[in-house]
Amino acid sequence: MSRKVAILGGLGNGAVVAAAIEHARRMGATDLEVAGFLNDRTPVGEKIDMFPVIGKVEDAKRLLDEGYWFINTILRIDGNRERIAMFEALNIPDDRLATFVHPMAYVAPSVQLGAGCIIMPQVAMSPGSKLGKGCIMMVGATMGHDNIVGDFCHIAAQACVGSYLRIGKGVHIGFNATIRENLTIGDNATLGQGAVLLKNMGENEIWVGNPAKFLRYAE
């Protein structure tokens, strides 16, 4: 029996994840079925891509009682504290967060995925890494071995993450960014697209460039 999934979000990450779930479903590789989006900007009943908006974010509490599962895609680049707090205020139990691994991804058997993680097509994850709750690895991202990644991290398409990293909560790693091994990245930090990180990053810091350098603090 399929599990009905409500995706928090819409255009952008939400629509991309919904399409990947539908693709996997057509391949017969998942029991998840996208019911629609919870979105505060698009009216209920309208469609985003091919799926309807079925409520606002606050309606998650009602849908929880109706047996839905949930995926959160409401993250942002410039600091995630507010978005994470909004999601955590919904008090959705971990056992009702849907974890999705696309069948075209490689995830080593010893990798640990927290509740609600999303692993998109062409992702490669080496042994021993551990992702916290609600992390998203977008298309073509790669991750080395023995990393510890906090909750609600977003690793954008084609990013290359090294090994023996300690990555905090709510971190965003941009398109095509590269991270050297044996580094620490603080909570809510952002690494810009195409950046090459060779040094540790502190909390709420935004780094860009090759080699990556501190730009400013997240707003």
C-alpha atoms as a PDB file:
ATOM      1  CA  MET A   1       0.000   0.000   0.000  1.00  0.00           C
ATOM      2  CA  SER A   2       1.353   3.436  -0.943  1.00  0.00           C
ATOM      3  CA  ARG A   3       2.166   6.041   1.667  1.00  0.00           C
ATOM      4  CA  LYS A   4       0.626   9.426   0.862  1.00  0.00           C
ATOM      5  CA  VAL A   5       3.247  12.154   1.088  1.00  0.00           C
ATOM      6  CA  ALA A   6       2.672  15.867   1.592  1.00  0.00           C
ATOM      7  CA  ILE A   7       5.685  17.949   0.560  1.00  0.00           C
ATOM      8  CA  LEU A   8       6.316  21.180   2.424  1.00  0.00           C
ATOM      9  CA  GLY A   9       7.419  23.561  -0.311  1.00  0.00           C
ATOM     10  CA  GLY A  10       6.644  24.121  -3.967  1.00  0.00           C
ATOM     11  CA  LEU A  11       8.555  25.611  -6.869  1.00  0.00           C
ATOM     12  CA  GLY A  12      12.224  24.744  -6.622  1.00  0.00           C
ATOM     13  CA  ASN A  13      13.252  21.929  -4.322  1.00  0.00           C
ATOM     14  CA  GLY A  14       9.697  20.780  -3.682  1.00  0.00           C
ATOM     15  CA  ALA A  15       8.778  20.310  -7.333  1.00  0.00           C
ATOM     16  CA  VAL A  16      12.115  18.672  -8.124  1.00  0.00           C
ATOM     17  CA  VAL A  17      11.763  16.171  -5.292  1.00  0.00           C
ATOM     18  CA  ALA A  18       8.132  15.443  -6.182  1.00  0.00           C
ATOM     19  CA  ALA A  19       9.091  14.692  -9.790  1.00  0.00           C
ATOM     20  CA  ALA A  20      11.870  12.344  -8.644  1.00  0.00           C
ATOM     21  CA  ILE A  21       9.479  10.437  -6.396  1.00  0.00           C
ATOM     22  CA  GLU A  22       7.023  10.078  -9.269  1.00  0.00           C
ATOM     23  CA  HIS A  23       9.830   8.879 -11.537  1.00  0.00           C
ATOM     24  CA  ALA A  24      10.885   6.256  -8.998  1.00  0.00           C
ATOM     25  CA  ARG A  25       7.265   5.241  -8.573  1.00  0.00           C
ATOM     26  CA  ARG A  26       6.913   4.617 -12.305  1.00  0.00           C
ATOM     27  CA  MET A  27      10.018   2.439 -12.056  1.00  0.00           C
ATOM     28  CA  GLY A  28       8.291   0.438  -9.327  1.00  0.00           C
ATOM     29  CA  ALA A  29      10.991   1.419  -6.844  1.00  0.00           C
ATOM     30  CA  THR A  30       9.131   3.262  -4.088  1.00  0.00           C
ATOM     31  CA  ASP A  31       5.938   2.967  -2.075  1.00  0.00           C
ATOM     32  CA  LEU A  32       5.652   6.744  -1.739  1.00  0.00           C
ATOM     33  CA  GLU A  33       2.901   8.620  -3.553  1.00  0.00           C
ATOM     34  CA  VAL A  34       2.990  12.414  -3.725  1.00  0.00           C
ATOM     35  CA  ALA A  35      -0.403  13.740  -2.634  1.00  0.00           C
ATOM     36  CA  GLY A  36       0.592  17.357  -3.153  1.00  0.00           C
ATOM     37  CA  PHE A  37       2.225  20.396  -1.592  1.00  0.00           C
ATOM     38  CA  LEU A  38       1.770  22.390   1.581  1.00  0.00           C
ATOM     39  CA  ASN A  39       2.476  25.929   0.443  1.00  0.00           C
ATOM     40  CA  ASP A  40       1.626  29.339   1.916  1.00  0.00           C
ATOM     41  CA  ARG A  41       1.950  31.276  -1.350  1.00  0.00           C
ATOM     42  CA  THR A  42      -0.054  29.259  -3.879  1.00  0.00           C
ATOM     43  CA  PRO A  43      -3.828  28.860  -3.364  1.00  0.00           C
ATOM     44  CA  VAL A  44      -5.178  25.464  -2.419  1.00  0.00           C
ATOM     45  CA  GLY A  45      -6.303  23.553  -5.499  1.00  0.00           C
ATOM     46  CA  GLU A  46      -3.835  25.103  -7.906  1.00  0.00           C
ATOM     47  CA  LYS A  47      -1.039  22.947  -9.269  1.00  0.00           C
ATOM     48  CA  ILE A  48       2.698  23.339  -8.965  1.00  0.00           C
ATOM     49  CA  ASP A  49       4.201  21.408 -11.849  1.00  0.00           C
ATOM     50  CA  MET A  50       1.979  18.298 -11.910  1.00  0.00           C
ATOM     51  CA  PHE A  51       0.859  18.150  -8.273  1.00  0.00           C
ATOM     52  CA  PRO A  52      -1.845  20.138  -6.426  1.00  0.00           C
ATOM     53  CA  VAL A  53      -1.472  22.386  -3.425  1.00  0.00           C
ATOM     54  CA  ILE A  54      -3.432  20.577  -0.697  1.00  0.00           C
ATOM     55  CA  GLY A  55      -3.036  23.075   2.111  1.00  0.00           C
ATOM     56  CA  LYS A  56      -0.866  25.594   3.901  1.00  0.00           C
ATOM     57  CA  VAL A  57       2.146  24.643   6.005  1.00  0.00           C
ATOM     58  CA  GLU A  58       0.081  24.849   9.206  1.00  0.00           C
ATOM     59  CA  ASP A  59      -2.246  22.165   7.773  1.00  0.00           C
ATOM     60  CA  ALA A  60       0.455  19.568   8.419  1.00  0.00           C
ATOM     61  CA  LYS A  61      -1.043  19.013  11.863  1.00  0.00           C
ATOM     62  CA  ARG A  62      -4.415  18.115  10.319  1.00  0.00           C
ATOM     63  CA  LEU A  63      -2.889  15.885   7.663  1.00  0.00           C
ATOM     64  CA  LEU A  64      -0.833  14.126  10.305  1.00  0.00           C
ATOM     65  CA  ASP A  65      -4.091  12.982  11.909  1.00  0.00           C
ATOM     66  CA  GLU A  66      -5.313  11.863   8.478  1.00  0.00           C
ATOM     67  CA  GLY A  67      -2.390   9.491   8.006  1.00  0.00           C
ATOM     68  CA  TYR A  68      -0.118  11.451   5.693  1.00  0.00           C
ATOM     69  CA  TRP A  69       3.679  11.282   5.626  1.00  0.00           C
ATOM     70  CA  PHE A  70       5.811  14.378   5.156  1.00  0.00           C
ATOM     71  CA  ILE A  71       8.894  15.680   3.365  1.00  0.00           C
ATOM     72  CA  ASN A  72      10.302  19.109   4.126  1.00  0.00           C
ATOM     73  CA  THR A  73      11.966  21.065   1.300  1.00  0.00           C
ATOM     74  CA  ILE A  74      11.599  24.585   2.736  1.00  0.00           C
ATOM     75  CA  LEU A  75      15.237  25.517   3.143  1.00  0.00           C
ATOM     76  CA  ARG A  76      17.136  28.609   2.054  1.00  0.00           C
ATOM     77  CA  ILE A  77      20.675  29.584   1.124  1.00  0.00           C
ATOM     78  CA  ASP A  78      21.211  32.608   3.372  1.00  0.00           C
ATOM     79  CA  GLY A  79      20.793  30.949   6.782  1.00  0.00           C
ATOM     80  CA  ASN A  80      18.248  28.298   7.716  1.00  0.00           C
ATOM     81  CA  ARG A  81      17.430  29.074  11.342  1.00  0.00           C
ATOM     82  CA  GLU A  82      14.005  30.599  10.699  1.00  0.00           C
ATOM     83  CA  ARG A  83      12.948  27.893   8.232  1.00  0.00           C
ATOM     84  CA  ILE A  84      14.090  25.083  10.546  1.00  0.00           C
ATOM     85  CA  ALA A  85      12.261  26.640  13.498  1.00  0.00           C
ATOM     86  CA  MET A  86       9.074  26.848  11.409  1.00  0.00           C
ATOM     87  CA  PHE A  87       9.295  23.168  10.540  1.00  0.00           C
ATOM     88  CA  GLU A  88      10.158  22.035  14.063  1.00  0.00           C
ATOM     89  CA  ALA A  89       7.169  23.978  15.436  1.00  0.00           C
ATOM     90  CA  LEU A  90       4.879  21.619  13.496  1.00  0.00           C
ATOM     91  CA  ASN A  91       5.976  18.756  15.810  1.00  0.00           C
ATOM     92  CA  ILE A  92       5.820  16.113  13.107  1.00  0.00           C
ATOM     93  CA  PRO A  93       7.141  12.840  14.601  1.00  0.00           C
ATOM     94  CA  ASP A  94      10.269  11.440  13.005  1.00  0.00           C
ATOM     95  CA  ASP A  95       8.440   8.222  12.189  1.00  0.00           C
ATOM     96  CA  ARG A  96       6.118  10.200   9.884  1.00  0.00           C
ATOM     97  CA  LEU A  97       8.915  11.792   7.886  1.00  0.00           C
ATOM     98  CA  ALA A  98       9.351   9.966   4.592  1.00  0.00           C
ATOM     99  CA  THR A  99      12.914   9.046   3.628  1.00  0.00           C
ATOM    100  CA  PHE A 100      13.411   8.742  -0.126  1.00  0.00           C
ATOM    101  CA  VAL A 101      16.374   7.229  -1.987  1.00  0.00           C
ATOM    102  CA  HIS A 102      16.024   7.301  -5.761  1.00  0.00           C
ATOM    103  CA  PRO A 103      16.878   3.917  -7.345  1.00  0.00           C
ATOM    104  CA  MET A 104      19.449   5.605  -9.593  1.00  0.00           C
ATOM    105  CA  ALA A 105      21.530   6.687  -6.572  1.00  0.00           C
ATOM    106  CA  TYR A 106      24.376   4.744  -4.966  1.00  0.00           C
ATOM    107  CA  VAL A 107      24.288   4.676  -1.173  1.00  0.00           C
ATOM    108  CA  ALA A 108      26.805   2.397   0.543  1.00  0.00           C
ATOM    109  CA  PRO A 109      25.200  -0.121   2.922  1.00  0.00           C
ATOM    110  CA  SER A 110      26.823   1.399   6.023  1.00  0.00           C
ATOM    111  CA  VAL A 111      25.528   4.920   5.325  1.00  0.00           C
ATOM    112  CA  GLN A 112      23.006   6.094   7.934  1.00  0.00           C
ATOM    113  CA  LEU A 113      20.160   8.352   6.815  1.00  0.00           C
ATOM    114  CA  GLY A 114      18.068  10.307   9.282  1.00  0.00           C
ATOM    115  CA  ALA A 115      14.296  10.535   9.056  1.00  0.00           C
ATOM    116  CA  GLY A 116      13.064  12.501   6.065  1.00  0.00           C
ATOM    117  CA  CYS A 117      16.309  12.483   4.079  1.00  0.00           C
ATOM    118  CA  ILE A 118      16.126  12.846   0.291  1.00  0.00           C
ATOM    119  CA  ILE A 119      18.742  11.227  -1.958  1.00  0.00           C
ATOM    120  CA  MET A 120      18.254  12.186  -5.594  1.00  0.00           C
ATOM    121  CA  PRO A 121      19.350  10.431  -8.828  1.00  0.00           C
ATOM    122  CA  GLN A 122      23.067  10.023  -9.591  1.00  0.00           C
ATOM    123  CA  VAL A 123      24.089  10.735  -6.001  1.00  0.00           C
ATOM    124  CA  ALA A 124      27.013   8.667  -4.721  1.00  0.00           C
ATOM    125  CA  MET A 125      27.580   8.182  -0.980  1.00  0.00           C
ATOM    126  CA  SER A 126      30.615   6.282   0.302  1.00  0.00           C
ATOM    127  CA  PRO A 127      30.665   4.065   3.431  1.00  0.00           C
ATOM    128  CA  GLY A 128      30.471   5.270   6.998  1.00  0.00           C
ATOM    129  CA  SER A 129      28.763   8.634   6.494  1.00  0.00           C
ATOM    130  CA  LYS A 130      25.820   9.667   8.644  1.00  0.00           C
ATOM    131  CA  LEU A 131      23.180  12.249   7.684  1.00  0.00           C
ATOM    132  CA  GLY A 132      20.862  13.856  10.197  1.00  0.00           C
ATOM    133  CA  LYS A 133      17.137  14.433   9.860  1.00  0.00           C
ATOM    134  CA  GLY A 134      15.698  16.114   6.775  1.00  0.00           C
ATOM    135  CA  CYS A 135      18.875  16.393   4.691  1.00  0.00           C
ATOM    136  CA  ILE A 136      18.687  16.718   0.917  1.00  0.00           C
ATOM    137  CA  MET A 137      21.348  15.584  -1.553  1.00  0.00           C
ATOM    138  CA  MET A 138      20.480  16.855  -5.003  1.00  0.00           C
ATOM    139  CA  VAL A 139      21.204  15.302  -8.403  1.00  0.00           C
ATOM    140  CA  GLY A 140      24.780  14.219  -9.009  1.00  0.00           C
ATOM    141  CA  ALA A 141      26.178  15.220  -5.616  1.00  0.00           C
ATOM    142  CA  THR A 142      28.908  13.006  -4.184  1.00  0.00           C
ATOM    143  CA  MET A 143      29.930  12.372  -0.599  1.00  0.00           C
ATOM    144  CA  GLY A 144      33.065  10.684   0.672  1.00  0.00           C
ATOM    145  CA  HIS A 145      33.347   8.313   3.616  1.00  0.00           C
ATOM    146  CA  ASP A 146      32.981   8.773   7.364  1.00  0.00           C
ATOM    147  CA  ASN A 147      31.258  12.145   7.452  1.00  0.00           C
ATOM    148  CA  ILE A 148      28.906  13.374  10.176  1.00  0.00           C
ATOM    149  CA  VAL A 149      26.244  15.714   8.792  1.00  0.00           C
ATOM    150  CA  GLY A 150      23.724  17.573  10.956  1.00  0.00           C
ATOM    151  CA  ASP A 151      19.968  17.939  10.478  1.00  0.00           C
ATOM    152  CA  PHE A 152      18.405  19.891   7.586  1.00  0.00           C
ATOM    153  CA  CYS A 153      21.485  20.238   5.409  1.00  0.00           C
ATOM    154  CA  HIS A 154      21.142  20.906   1.680  1.00  0.00           C
ATOM    155  CA  ILE A 155      23.830  19.664  -0.691  1.00  0.00           C
ATOM    156  CA  ALA A 156      23.175  21.078  -4.142  1.00  0.00           C
ATOM    157  CA  ALA A 157      23.591  19.380  -7.508  1.00  0.00           C
ATOM    158  CA  GLN A 158      27.089  18.235  -8.492  1.00  0.00           C
ATOM    159  CA  ALA A 159      28.658  19.252  -5.165  1.00  0.00           C
ATOM    160  CA  CYS A 160      31.637  17.119  -4.133  1.00  0.00           C
ATOM    161  CA  VAL A 161      31.953  16.568  -0.390  1.00  0.00           C
ATOM    162  CA  GLY A 162      35.154  14.987   0.933  1.00  0.00           C
ATOM    163  CA  SER A 163      35.697  12.606   3.856  1.00  0.00           C
ATOM    164  CA  TYR A 164      36.040  12.866   7.636  1.00  0.00           C
ATOM    165  CA  LEU A 165      33.977  16.054   7.703  1.00  0.00           C
ATOM    166  CA  ARG A 166      31.897  17.409  10.559  1.00  0.00           C
ATOM    167  CA  ILE A 167      29.054  19.453   9.096  1.00  0.00           C
ATOM    168  CA  GLY A 168      26.627  21.253  11.396  1.00  0.00           C
ATOM    169  CA  LYS A 169      22.873  21.753  11.294  1.00  0.00           C
ATOM    170  CA  GLY A 170      21.210  23.716   8.500  1.00  0.00           C
ATOM    171  CA  VAL A 171      24.276  23.976   6.256  1.00  0.00           C
ATOM    172  CA  HIS A 172      23.914  24.776   2.550  1.00  0.00           C
ATOM    173  CA  ILE A 173      26.552  23.587   0.083  1.00  0.00           C
ATOM    174  CA  GLY A 174      26.134  25.193  -3.342  1.00  0.00           C
ATOM    175  CA  PHE A 175      26.168  23.874  -6.907  1.00  0.00           C
ATOM    176  CA  ASN A 176      29.479  22.352  -7.960  1.00  0.00           C
ATOM    177  CA  ALA A 177      31.152  23.254  -4.676  1.00  0.00           C
ATOM    178  CA  THR A 178      34.068  21.110  -3.513  1.00  0.00           C
ATOM    179  CA  ILE A 179      35.066  20.445   0.097  1.00  0.00           C
ATOM    180  CA  ARG A 180      38.418  19.075   1.151  1.00  0.00           C
ATOM    181  CA  GLU A 181      38.593  16.246   3.719  1.00  0.00           C
ATOM    182  CA  ASN A 182      39.032  16.689   7.511  1.00  0.00           C
ATOM    183  CA  LEU A 183      37.185  20.000   7.874  1.00  0.00           C
ATOM    184  CA  THR A 184      34.483  21.352  10.172  1.00  0.00           C
ATOM    185  CA  ILE A 185      31.547  23.479   9.010  1.00  0.00           C
ATOM    186  CA  GLY A 186      29.453  25.273  11.638  1.00  0.00           C
ATOM    187  CA  ASP A 187      25.664  25.412  11.932  1.00  0.00           C
ATOM    188  CA  ASN A 188      23.733  27.411   9.314  1.00  0.00           C
ATOM    189  CA  ALA A 189      26.826  28.086   7.215  1.00  0.00           C
ATOM    190  CA  THR A 190      26.659  28.522   3.432  1.00  0.00           C
ATOM    191  CA  LEU A 191      29.280  27.562   0.855  1.00  0.00           C
ATOM    192  CA  GLY A 192      28.657  29.303  -2.471  1.00  0.00           C
ATOM    193  CA  GLN A 193      28.321  27.656  -5.863  1.00  0.00           C
ATOM    194  CA  GLY A 194      31.577  26.520  -7.418  1.00  0.00           C
ATOM    195  CA  ALA A 195      33.515  27.303  -4.230  1.00  0.00           C
ATOM    196  CA  VAL A 196      36.495  25.197  -3.176  1.00  0.00           C
ATOM    197  CA  LEU A 197      36.691  24.930   0.606  1.00  0.00           C
ATOM    198  CA  LEU A 198      40.121  24.302   2.119  1.00  0.00           C
ATOM    199  CA  LYS A 199      39.561  25.676   5.651  1.00  0.00           C
ATOM    200  CA  ASN A 200      37.071  25.302   8.490  1.00  0.00           C
ATOM    201  CA  MET A 201      33.898  27.432   8.411  1.00  0.00           C
ATOM    202  CA  GLY A 202      32.258  28.900  11.498  1.00  0.00           C
ATOM    203  CA  GLU A 203      28.565  29.126  12.382  1.00  0.00           C
ATOM    204  CA  ASN A 204      26.395  31.347  10.163  1.00  0.00           C
ATOM    205  CA  GLU A 205      29.323  32.150   7.876  1.00  0.00           C
ATOM    206  CA  ILE A 206      29.024  32.486   4.083  1.00  0.00           C
ATOM    207  CA  TRP A 207      32.113  31.618   2.050  1.00  0.00           C
ATOM    208  CA  VAL A 208      32.611  31.939  -1.714  1.00  0.00           C
ATOM    209  CA  GLY A 209      35.329  31.595  -4.333  1.00  0.00           C
ATOM    210  CA  ASN A 210      38.269  29.352  -5.230  1.00  0.00           C
ATOM    211  CA  PRO A 211      39.840  28.982  -2.786  1.00  0.00           C
ATOM    212  CA  ALA A 212      36.795  29.830  -0.688  1.00  0.00           C
ATOM    213  CA  LYS A 213      37.035  32.872   1.600  1.00  0.00           C
ATOM    214  CA  PHE A 214      34.697  34.426   4.165  1.00  0.00           C
ATOM    215  CA  LEU A 215      32.185  36.827   2.570  1.00  0.00           C
ATOM    216  CA  ARG A 216      29.772  37.767   5.373  1.00  0.00           C
ATOM    217  CA  TYR A 217      27.483  36.339   8.012  1.00  0.00           C
ATOM    218  CA  ALA A 218      24.044  34.934   7.163  1.00  0.00           C
ATOM    219  CA  GLU A 219      21.219  37.400   7.666  1.00  0.00           C
END
